[in-house]
Amino acid sequence: MNKAIITVVGQDTVGIIARVCTYLSKSNVNVLDISQTIIDGFFNMMMIIDYSDADKDFGTVVDDLEGLGEEIGVRIRCQREEIFTKMHRI
């Protein structure tokens, strides 16, 4: 299994989750877990995905998600699980 962490942060608008999940589905990326909150109009989402069967290489998925974020007015970041874990270790 090839896991990655996606974070989405920005002003809340209609369709953020739908747009991200639609892209992942079309790219054959599986969502393993998802958590999202909205605090005072600010949207925050974290997803754990498995990109083992993705139709695109990981770098392309990262770039596409960043571009999607720009389109919908949020910041989308995707990192391999091992990198995310090492960066957020206490």
N, C-alpha and C. Protein backbone atom coordinates (compact mmCIF):
# COMPACT_ATOMS: atom_id res chain seq x y z
N MET A 1 0.85 -1.18 0.00
CA MET A 1 0.00 0.00 0.00
C MET A 1 0.90 1.24 0.00
N ASN A 2 0.58 2.20 -0.84
CA ASN A 2 1.29 3.47 -0.91
C ASN A 2 0.38 4.56 -0.37
N LYS A 3 0.62 4.98 0.87
CA LYS A 3 -0.24 5.97 1.51
C LYS A 3 0.34 7.37 1.37
N ALA A 4 -0.58 8.33 1.32
CA ALA A 4 -0.22 9.73 1.31
C ALA A 4 -1.25 10.50 2.13
N ILE A 5 -0.85 11.70 2.55
CA ILE A 5 -1.71 12.58 3.33
C ILE A 5 -2.02 13.80 2.48
N ILE A 6 -3.30 14.12 2.37
CA ILE A 6 -3.74 15.33 1.68
C ILE A 6 -4.31 16.27 2.72
N THR A 7 -3.87 17.53 2.69
CA THR A 7 -4.47 18.56 3.54
C THR A 7 -5.05 19.64 2.65
N VAL A 8 -6.21 20.12 3.05
CA VAL A 8 -6.90 21.18 2.30
C VAL A 8 -7.29 22.26 3.31
N VAL A 9 -6.87 23.48 3.04
CA VAL A 9 -7.14 24.59 3.96
C VAL A 9 -7.56 25.81 3.15
N GLY A 10 -8.57 26.52 3.63
CA GLY A 10 -8.98 27.76 2.97
C GLY A 10 -10.35 28.20 3.39
N GLN A 11 -10.82 29.25 2.74
CA GLN A 11 -12.16 29.77 2.99
C GLN A 11 -13.18 28.71 2.55
N ASP A 12 -14.19 28.49 3.37
CA ASP A 12 -15.19 27.48 3.04
C ASP A 12 -16.05 27.92 1.86
N THR A 13 -16.24 27.00 0.92
CA THR A 13 -17.15 27.21 -0.20
C THR A 13 -17.83 25.89 -0.52
N VAL A 14 -18.89 25.95 -1.26
CA VAL A 14 -19.62 24.75 -1.64
C VAL A 14 -18.78 23.91 -2.61
N GLY A 15 -18.70 22.60 -2.36
CA GLY A 15 -18.13 21.68 -3.32
C GLY A 15 -16.66 21.32 -3.17
N ILE A 16 -16.00 21.77 -2.12
CA ILE A 16 -14.58 21.47 -1.96
C ILE A 16 -14.35 19.96 -1.89
N ILE A 17 -15.06 19.30 -0.99
CA ILE A 17 -14.88 17.85 -0.82
C ILE A 17 -15.25 17.13 -2.13
N ALA A 18 -16.33 17.55 -2.74
CA ALA A 18 -16.76 16.91 -3.99
C ALA A 18 -15.70 17.03 -5.08
N ARG A 19 -15.11 18.20 -5.24
CA ARG A 19 -14.11 18.39 -6.30
C ARG A 19 -12.86 17.55 -6.04
N VAL A 20 -12.40 17.52 -4.79
CA VAL A 20 -11.20 16.74 -4.46
C VAL A 20 -11.48 15.25 -4.65
N CYS A 21 -12.60 14.79 -4.12
CA CYS A 21 -12.93 13.36 -4.23
C CYS A 21 -13.20 12.94 -5.68
N THR A 22 -13.79 13.81 -6.47
CA THR A 22 -14.01 13.50 -7.88
C THR A 22 -12.68 13.32 -8.60
N TYR A 23 -11.74 14.23 -8.36
CA TYR A 23 -10.41 14.09 -8.97
C TYR A 23 -9.76 12.77 -8.55
N LEU A 24 -9.81 12.46 -7.26
CA LEU A 24 -9.17 11.23 -6.77
C LEU A 24 -9.82 10.00 -7.40
N SER A 25 -11.13 9.99 -7.47
CA SER A 25 -11.85 8.86 -8.05
C SER A 25 -11.48 8.67 -9.52
N LYS A 26 -11.46 9.76 -10.27
CA LYS A 26 -11.11 9.68 -11.70
C LYS A 26 -9.67 9.24 -11.91
N SER A 27 -8.82 9.45 -10.90
CA SER A 27 -7.41 9.06 -10.99
C SER A 27 -7.15 7.68 -10.38
N ASN A 28 -8.22 7.01 -9.95
CA ASN A 28 -8.14 5.68 -9.34
C ASN A 28 -7.34 5.68 -8.04
N VAL A 29 -7.55 6.73 -7.24
CA VAL A 29 -6.91 6.86 -5.93
C VAL A 29 -7.98 6.59 -4.88
N ASN A 30 -7.67 5.72 -3.92
CA ASN A 30 -8.63 5.32 -2.90
C ASN A 30 -8.49 6.19 -1.64
N VAL A 31 -9.62 6.69 -1.15
CA VAL A 31 -9.65 7.45 0.11
C VAL A 31 -9.83 6.45 1.25
N LEU A 32 -8.85 6.40 2.15
CA LEU A 32 -8.89 5.48 3.28
C LEU A 32 -9.56 6.11 4.50
N ASP A 33 -9.34 7.41 4.70
CA ASP A 33 -9.91 8.11 5.85
C ASP A 33 -10.01 9.58 5.51
N ILE A 34 -11.00 10.23 6.10
CA ILE A 34 -11.20 11.66 5.84
C ILE A 34 -11.75 12.32 7.09
N SER A 35 -11.25 13.51 7.36
CA SER A 35 -11.74 14.31 8.49
C SER A 35 -11.78 15.76 8.02
N GLN A 36 -12.88 16.44 8.34
CA GLN A 36 -12.96 17.84 7.95
C GLN A 36 -13.71 18.63 9.01
N THR A 37 -13.30 19.88 9.14
CA THR A 37 -13.96 20.79 10.07
C THR A 37 -14.09 22.16 9.40
N ILE A 38 -15.05 22.90 9.87
CA ILE A 38 -15.21 24.28 9.45
C ILE A 38 -15.28 25.11 10.72
N ILE A 39 -14.34 26.03 10.85
CA ILE A 39 -14.28 26.89 12.03
C ILE A 39 -14.35 28.34 11.57
N ASP A 40 -15.42 29.00 11.97
CA ASP A 40 -15.62 30.42 11.66
C ASP A 40 -15.42 30.71 10.17
N GLY A 41 -15.92 29.83 9.32
CA GLY A 41 -15.85 30.03 7.88
C GLY A 41 -14.60 29.52 7.20
N PHE A 42 -13.68 28.94 7.99
CA PHE A 42 -12.46 28.39 7.41
C PHE A 42 -12.55 26.87 7.35
N PHE A 43 -12.27 26.34 6.17
CA PHE A 43 -12.37 24.91 5.90
C PHE A 43 -11.02 24.25 6.13
N ASN A 44 -11.02 23.10 6.79
CA ASN A 44 -9.80 22.34 7.03
C ASN A 44 -10.13 20.85 6.85
N MET A 45 -9.41 20.18 5.96
CA MET A 45 -9.66 18.77 5.72
C MET A 45 -8.34 18.02 5.66
N MET A 46 -8.36 16.80 6.18
CA MET A 46 -7.21 15.92 6.10
C MET A 46 -7.71 14.57 5.59
N MET A 47 -6.99 14.03 4.60
CA MET A 47 -7.36 12.74 4.02
C MET A 47 -6.15 11.83 4.03
N ILE A 48 -6.39 10.56 4.24
CA ILE A 48 -5.36 9.55 4.03
C ILE A 48 -5.80 8.77 2.79
N ILE A 49 -4.89 8.68 1.84
CA ILE A 49 -5.22 8.02 0.57
C ILE A 49 -4.24 6.89 0.29
N ASP A 50 -4.68 5.98 -0.57
CA ASP A 50 -3.81 4.92 -1.10
C ASP A 50 -3.72 5.14 -2.60
N TYR A 51 -2.50 5.44 -3.07
CA TYR A 51 -2.32 5.72 -4.50
C TYR A 51 -1.65 4.56 -5.24
N SER A 52 -1.71 3.36 -4.66
CA SER A 52 -1.08 2.18 -5.26
C SER A 52 -1.56 1.90 -6.68
N ASP A 53 -2.85 2.11 -6.92
CA ASP A 53 -3.43 1.79 -8.23
C ASP A 53 -3.72 3.03 -9.07
N ALA A 54 -3.12 4.15 -8.70
CA ALA A 54 -3.39 5.41 -9.40
C ALA A 54 -3.02 5.30 -10.87
N ASP A 55 -3.80 5.99 -11.69
CA ASP A 55 -3.55 6.03 -13.13
C ASP A 55 -2.41 6.97 -13.50
N LYS A 56 -1.99 7.80 -12.53
CA LYS A 56 -0.95 8.80 -12.76
C LYS A 56 0.17 8.58 -11.75
N ASP A 57 1.36 9.06 -12.06
CA ASP A 57 2.44 8.95 -11.08
C ASP A 57 2.19 9.95 -9.95
N PHE A 58 2.84 9.72 -8.82
CA PHE A 58 2.58 10.51 -7.61
C PHE A 58 2.83 11.99 -7.85
N GLY A 59 3.90 12.34 -8.53
CA GLY A 59 4.21 13.74 -8.80
C GLY A 59 3.12 14.45 -9.57
N THR A 60 2.52 13.75 -10.51
CA THR A 60 1.41 14.33 -11.29
C THR A 60 0.20 14.56 -10.41
N VAL A 61 -0.10 13.60 -9.53
CA VAL A 61 -1.23 13.76 -8.60
C VAL A 61 -1.01 14.99 -7.72
N VAL A 62 0.21 15.14 -7.19
CA VAL A 62 0.53 16.30 -6.35
C VAL A 62 0.31 17.60 -7.12
N ASP A 63 0.85 17.68 -8.33
CA ASP A 63 0.71 18.88 -9.15
C ASP A 63 -0.74 19.17 -9.51
N ASP A 64 -1.47 18.13 -9.88
CA ASP A 64 -2.89 18.30 -10.24
C ASP A 64 -3.69 18.82 -9.05
N LEU A 65 -3.43 18.27 -7.86
CA LEU A 65 -4.16 18.71 -6.67
C LEU A 65 -3.83 20.17 -6.32
N GLU A 66 -2.57 20.55 -6.47
CA GLU A 66 -2.21 21.96 -6.22
C GLU A 66 -2.96 22.87 -7.20
N GLY A 67 -3.01 22.45 -8.47
CA GLY A 67 -3.75 23.23 -9.47
C GLY A 67 -5.24 23.30 -9.18
N LEU A 68 -5.81 22.19 -8.73
CA LEU A 68 -7.22 22.16 -8.35
C LEU A 68 -7.47 23.12 -7.20
N GLY A 69 -6.57 23.13 -6.23
CA GLY A 69 -6.70 24.06 -5.11
C GLY A 69 -6.74 25.50 -5.56
N GLU A 70 -5.88 25.85 -6.51
CA GLU A 70 -5.87 27.22 -7.05
C GLU A 70 -7.21 27.54 -7.72
N GLU A 71 -7.76 26.56 -8.44
CA GLU A 71 -9.05 26.75 -9.12
C GLU A 71 -10.17 27.05 -8.14
N ILE A 72 -10.19 26.33 -7.02
CA ILE A 72 -11.32 26.46 -6.09
C ILE A 72 -11.02 27.36 -4.89
N GLY A 73 -9.84 27.96 -4.86
CA GLY A 73 -9.53 28.95 -3.84
C GLY A 73 -9.10 28.41 -2.50
N VAL A 74 -8.49 27.22 -2.48
CA VAL A 74 -7.95 26.65 -1.25
C VAL A 74 -6.52 26.18 -1.51
N ARG A 75 -5.83 25.85 -0.45
CA ARG A 75 -4.49 25.28 -0.61
C ARG A 75 -4.58 23.78 -0.38
N ILE A 76 -4.15 23.01 -1.38
CA ILE A 76 -4.15 21.55 -1.27
C ILE A 76 -2.70 21.08 -1.31
N ARG A 77 -2.36 20.29 -0.31
CA ARG A 77 -1.00 19.75 -0.22
C ARG A 77 -1.09 18.24 -0.09
N CYS A 78 -0.25 17.52 -0.81
CA CYS A 78 -0.24 16.06 -0.77
C CYS A 78 1.20 15.61 -0.55
N GLN A 79 1.39 14.81 0.50
CA GLN A 79 2.72 14.30 0.84
C GLN A 79 2.66 12.81 1.10
N ARG A 80 3.71 12.11 0.72
CA ARG A 80 3.79 10.70 1.07
C ARG A 80 3.72 10.57 2.59
N GLU A 81 3.12 9.48 3.05
CA GLU A 81 2.89 9.28 4.48
C GLU A 81 4.19 9.36 5.28
N GLU A 82 5.25 8.72 4.79
CA GLU A 82 6.49 8.70 5.57
C GLU A 82 7.10 10.09 5.71
N ILE A 83 6.97 10.93 4.69
CA ILE A 83 7.48 12.30 4.77
C ILE A 83 6.63 13.11 5.74
N PHE A 84 5.30 13.00 5.63
CA PHE A 84 4.40 13.72 6.53
C PHE A 84 4.67 13.34 7.98
N THR A 85 4.83 12.05 8.24
CA THR A 85 5.06 11.57 9.60
C THR A 85 6.36 12.13 10.16
N LYS A 86 7.42 12.09 9.38
CA LYS A 86 8.71 12.59 9.85
C LYS A 86 8.67 14.10 10.10
N MET A 87 7.94 14.83 9.27
CA MET A 87 7.86 16.28 9.45
C MET A 87 7.05 16.68 10.68
N HIS A 88 6.12 15.82 11.10
CA HIS A 88 5.22 16.18 12.21
C HIS A 88 5.50 15.37 13.48
N ARG A 89 6.67 14.77 13.55
CA ARG A 89 7.06 14.04 14.74
C ARG A 89 7.43 15.02 15.84
N ILE A 90 7.04 14.72 17.05
CA ILE A 90 7.37 15.60 18.18
C ILE A 90 8.64 15.11 18.84
